[in-house]
Amino acid sequence: MRRKRVPGLTAAVTTALALTLPILPAGPAAAASPAAAPGSSLTLTIVPDRLSGPRSTVTLECDPPGGTHPDPKAACAVLEAAGGYFERIEPGSGGCTGLWDPVTVRADGNWGARKVLFEERYSNRGCAAAATNGVFRF
């Protein structure tokens, strides 16, 4: 059986489809949507050396600041100043006492396109928070 062509039908269908499709931006900007994954996303963990202490984990997202960290704006500002390198963070003041209750802190995730893996041991939670200028204050 042969199909009968209806003049102008193809043009009408094409026009109807074009009107119902969303308009998408062209070029590289189309791939980088503001609603995409955050520019930086980290999982921060404090692990006590003794089994009796609590293990704490939060998430930190920057650009825009968010996650479960208690002060994501401040933590992101500290990391931004250090270029996302924990080793370059300028220590803060206060909270570091002579108490020996060692903890290991870990950061895992990404800072922009760079993978982040950081681990350091401190004499206690207060010293970990002070040494990281509040990034590990949770």
C-alpha atoms as a PDB file:
ATOM      1  CA  MET A   1       0.000   0.000   0.000  1.00  0.00           C
ATOM      2  CA  ARG A   2       1.324   3.396  -0.959  1.00  0.00           C
ATOM      3  CA  ARG A   3       1.145   6.326   1.383  1.00  0.00           C
ATOM      4  CA  LYS A   4      -0.464   9.411   0.064  1.00  0.00           C
ATOM      5  CA  ARG A   5       1.561  12.594   0.510  1.00  0.00           C
ATOM      6  CA  VAL A   6      -0.268  15.572   1.844  1.00  0.00           C
ATOM      7  CA  PRO A   7       1.227  18.809   0.510  1.00  0.00           C
ATOM      8  CA  GLY A   8       2.637  21.038   3.260  1.00  0.00           C
ATOM      9  CA  LEU A   9       2.221  18.408   6.010  1.00  0.00           C
ATOM     10  CA  THR A  10       5.962  17.908   6.508  1.00  0.00           C
ATOM     11  CA  ALA A  11       6.519  21.644   6.879  1.00  0.00           C
ATOM     12  CA  ALA A  12       3.603  21.942   9.319  1.00  0.00           C
ATOM     13  CA  VAL A  13       4.901  19.064  11.495  1.00  0.00           C
ATOM     14  CA  THR A  14       8.443  20.466  11.476  1.00  0.00           C
ATOM     15  CA  THR A  15       7.180  23.910  12.481  1.00  0.00           C
ATOM     16  CA  ALA A  16       5.016  22.438  15.267  1.00  0.00           C
ATOM     17  CA  LEU A  17       7.967  20.462  16.670  1.00  0.00           C
ATOM     18  CA  ALA A  18      10.253  23.463  16.540  1.00  0.00           C
ATOM     19  CA  LEU A  19       7.748  25.539  18.513  1.00  0.00           C
ATOM     20  CA  THR A  20       7.419  22.911  21.271  1.00  0.00           C
ATOM     21  CA  LEU A  21      11.144  22.242  21.835  1.00  0.00           C
ATOM     22  CA  PRO A  22      12.923  24.342  24.479  1.00  0.00           C
ATOM     23  CA  ILE A  23      15.468  26.836  23.282  1.00  0.00           C
ATOM     24  CA  LEU A  24      18.921  25.789  24.470  1.00  0.00           C
ATOM     25  CA  PRO A  25      21.979  28.041  24.434  1.00  0.00           C
ATOM     26  CA  ALA A  26      24.688  27.010  22.028  1.00  0.00           C
ATOM     27  CA  GLY A  27      28.387  26.634  22.700  1.00  0.00           C
ATOM     28  CA  PRO A  28      30.447  25.931  25.855  1.00  0.00           C
ATOM     29  CA  ALA A  29      28.107  27.912  28.118  1.00  0.00           C
ATOM     30  CA  ALA A  30      25.412  25.312  27.538  1.00  0.00           C
ATOM     31  CA  ALA A  31      27.487  22.649  29.297  1.00  0.00           C
ATOM     32  CA  ALA A  32      28.143  24.742  32.434  1.00  0.00           C
ATOM     33  CA  SER A  33      24.731  25.300  33.923  1.00  0.00           C
ATOM     34  CA  PRO A  34      24.524  27.222  37.229  1.00  0.00           C
ATOM     35  CA  ALA A  35      22.351  24.414  38.596  1.00  0.00           C
ATOM     36  CA  ALA A  36      25.112  21.877  37.901  1.00  0.00           C
ATOM     37  CA  ALA A  37      27.199  20.248  40.641  1.00  0.00           C
ATOM     38  CA  PRO A  38      28.901  22.701  42.995  1.00  0.00           C
ATOM     39  CA  GLY A  39      32.309  24.051  42.035  1.00  0.00           C
ATOM     40  CA  SER A  40      33.833  22.439  45.112  1.00  0.00           C
ATOM     41  CA  SER A  41      32.468  19.578  47.150  1.00  0.00           C
ATOM     42  CA  LEU A  42      34.226  18.043  50.151  1.00  0.00           C
ATOM     43  CA  THR A  43      33.499  15.443  52.798  1.00  0.00           C
ATOM     44  CA  LEU A  44      35.191  16.438  56.063  1.00  0.00           C
ATOM     45  CA  THR A  45      35.701  13.842  58.796  1.00  0.00           C
ATOM     46  CA  ILE A  46      37.149  13.954  62.313  1.00  0.00           C
ATOM     47  CA  VAL A  47      38.190  10.542  63.635  1.00  0.00           C
ATOM     48  CA  PRO A  48      39.269  10.271  67.284  1.00  0.00           C
ATOM     49  CA  ASP A  49      42.211   7.987  68.042  1.00  0.00           C
ATOM     50  CA  ARG A  50      40.353   6.509  71.003  1.00  0.00           C
ATOM     51  CA  LEU A  51      37.332   4.345  70.366  1.00  0.00           C
ATOM     52  CA  SER A  52      35.284   6.228  72.970  1.00  0.00           C
ATOM     53  CA  GLY A  53      35.163   9.554  71.114  1.00  0.00           C
ATOM     54  CA  PRO A  54      32.565  10.408  68.483  1.00  0.00           C
ATOM     55  CA  ARG A  55      33.435  10.319  64.795  1.00  0.00           C
ATOM     56  CA  SER A  56      32.050  13.378  62.994  1.00  0.00           C
ATOM     57  CA  THR A  57      31.425  13.873  59.285  1.00  0.00           C
ATOM     58  CA  VAL A  58      30.008  16.863  57.421  1.00  0.00           C
ATOM     59  CA  THR A  59      29.797  17.932  53.802  1.00  0.00           C
ATOM     60  CA  LEU A  60      31.057  21.264  52.536  1.00  0.00           C
ATOM     61  CA  GLU A  61      30.133  22.715  49.175  1.00  0.00           C
ATOM     62  CA  CYS A  62      31.548  25.955  47.868  1.00  0.00           C
ATOM     63  CA  ASP A  63      30.491  28.060  44.909  1.00  0.00           C
ATOM     64  CA  PRO A  64      27.835  28.416  46.263  1.00  0.00           C
ATOM     65  CA  PRO A  65      28.476  27.657  49.980  1.00  0.00           C
ATOM     66  CA  GLY A  66      26.340  24.880  51.430  1.00  0.00           C
ATOM     67  CA  GLY A  67      26.306  21.349  52.764  1.00  0.00           C
ATOM     68  CA  THR A  68      25.953  20.150  56.352  1.00  0.00           C
ATOM     69  CA  HIS A  69      28.960  22.118  57.672  1.00  0.00           C
ATOM     70  CA  PRO A  70      27.791  24.451  60.489  1.00  0.00           C
ATOM     71  CA  ASP A  71      29.396  27.526  58.857  1.00  0.00           C
ATOM     72  CA  PRO A  72      29.906  26.845  55.146  1.00  0.00           C
ATOM     73  CA  LYS A  73      30.441  30.504  54.186  1.00  0.00           C
ATOM     74  CA  ALA A  74      33.353  30.938  56.608  1.00  0.00           C
ATOM     75  CA  ALA A  75      34.888  27.536  55.768  1.00  0.00           C
ATOM     76  CA  CYS A  76      34.667  28.241  52.028  1.00  0.00           C
ATOM     77  CA  ALA A  77      36.269  31.685  52.527  1.00  0.00           C
ATOM     78  CA  VAL A  78      39.202  30.081  54.388  1.00  0.00           C
ATOM     79  CA  LEU A  79      39.687  27.501  51.663  1.00  0.00           C
ATOM     80  CA  GLU A  80      39.316  30.123  48.927  1.00  0.00           C
ATOM     81  CA  ALA A  81      42.108  32.171  50.533  1.00  0.00           C
ATOM     82  CA  ALA A  82      44.300  29.034  50.543  1.00  0.00           C
ATOM     83  CA  GLY A  83      43.461  28.169  46.937  1.00  0.00           C
ATOM     84  CA  GLY A  84      41.722  24.995  48.129  1.00  0.00           C
ATOM     85  CA  TYR A  85      44.943  23.620  49.650  1.00  0.00           C
ATOM     86  CA  PHE A  86      44.517  22.642  53.305  1.00  0.00           C
ATOM     87  CA  GLU A  87      48.298  22.803  53.759  1.00  0.00           C
ATOM     88  CA  ARG A  88      48.202  26.548  52.954  1.00  0.00           C
ATOM     89  CA  ILE A  89      45.473  27.509  55.451  1.00  0.00           C
ATOM     90  CA  GLU A  90      46.539  30.271  57.833  1.00  0.00           C
ATOM     91  CA  PRO A  91      45.790  28.988  61.368  1.00  0.00           C
ATOM     92  CA  GLY A  92      43.145  30.722  63.449  1.00  0.00           C
ATOM     93  CA  SER A  93      43.381  31.596  67.101  1.00  0.00           C
ATOM     94  CA  GLY A  94      41.896  30.025  70.216  1.00  0.00           C
ATOM     95  CA  GLY A  95      40.608  26.582  71.033  1.00  0.00           C
ATOM     96  CA  CYS A  96      43.949  24.768  71.013  1.00  0.00           C
ATOM     97  CA  THR A  97      44.763  23.538  74.519  1.00  0.00           C
ATOM     98  CA  GLY A  98      47.377  21.173  75.939  1.00  0.00           C
ATOM     99  CA  LEU A  99      44.804  18.385  76.238  1.00  0.00           C
ATOM    100  CA  TRP A 100      46.025  15.144  74.681  1.00  0.00           C
ATOM    101  CA  ASP A 101      43.016  13.597  72.921  1.00  0.00           C
ATOM    102  CA  PRO A 102      44.343  13.031  69.393  1.00  0.00           C
ATOM    103  CA  VAL A 103      42.177  13.124  66.296  1.00  0.00           C
ATOM    104  CA  THR A 104      42.800  12.582  62.607  1.00  0.00           C
ATOM    105  CA  VAL A 105      41.035  14.897  60.188  1.00  0.00           C
ATOM    106  CA  ARG A 106      40.304  13.999  56.583  1.00  0.00           C
ATOM    107  CA  ALA A 107      39.060  15.941  53.571  1.00  0.00           C
ATOM    108  CA  ASP A 108      38.043  14.107  50.433  1.00  0.00           C
ATOM    109  CA  GLY A 109      36.395  15.509  47.325  1.00  0.00           C
ATOM    110  CA  ASN A 110      37.165  18.172  44.771  1.00  0.00           C
ATOM    111  CA  TRP A 111      38.158  21.813  44.713  1.00  0.00           C
ATOM    112  CA  GLY A 112      37.061  22.941  41.282  1.00  0.00           C
ATOM    113  CA  ALA A 113      38.539  20.436  38.847  1.00  0.00           C
ATOM    114  CA  ARG A 114      41.280  19.332  41.287  1.00  0.00           C
ATOM    115  CA  LYS A 115      40.897  16.201  43.431  1.00  0.00           C
ATOM    116  CA  VAL A 116      41.437  16.827  47.151  1.00  0.00           C
ATOM    117  CA  LEU A 117      42.766  14.236  49.588  1.00  0.00           C
ATOM    118  CA  PHE A 118      43.977  15.666  52.897  1.00  0.00           C
ATOM    119  CA  GLU A 119      44.723  13.887  56.163  1.00  0.00           C
ATOM    120  CA  GLU A 120      46.436  15.242  59.265  1.00  0.00           C
ATOM    121  CA  ARG A 121      46.660  14.297  62.950  1.00  0.00           C
ATOM    122  CA  TYR A 122      46.207  16.876  65.715  1.00  0.00           C
ATOM    123  CA  SER A 123      46.486  16.656  69.500  1.00  0.00           C
ATOM    124  CA  ASN A 124      42.743  17.356  69.956  1.00  0.00           C
ATOM    125  CA  ARG A 125      39.630  18.691  68.202  1.00  0.00           C
ATOM    126  CA  GLY A 126      40.299  22.261  69.310  1.00  0.00           C
ATOM    127  CA  CYS A 127      43.767  22.224  67.774  1.00  0.00           C
ATOM    128  CA  ALA A 128      42.387  20.724  64.557  1.00  0.00           C
ATOM    129  CA  ALA A 129      39.820  23.529  64.370  1.00  0.00           C
ATOM    130  CA  ALA A 130      42.420  26.236  65.131  1.00  0.00           C
ATOM    131  CA  ALA A 131      45.014  24.855  62.700  1.00  0.00           C
ATOM    132  CA  THR A 132      42.443  24.832  59.878  1.00  0.00           C
ATOM    133  CA  ASN A 133      41.006  28.244  60.851  1.00  0.00           C
ATOM    134  CA  GLY A 134      37.609  26.737  61.621  1.00  0.00           C
ATOM    135  CA  VAL A 135      37.206  24.421  58.630  1.00  0.00           C
ATOM    136  CA  PHE A 136      37.239  21.431  61.025  1.00  0.00           C
ATOM    137  CA  ARG A 137      35.175  23.152  63.726  1.00  0.00           C
ATOM    138  CA  PHE A 138      32.147  20.864  63.927  1.00  0.00           C
END
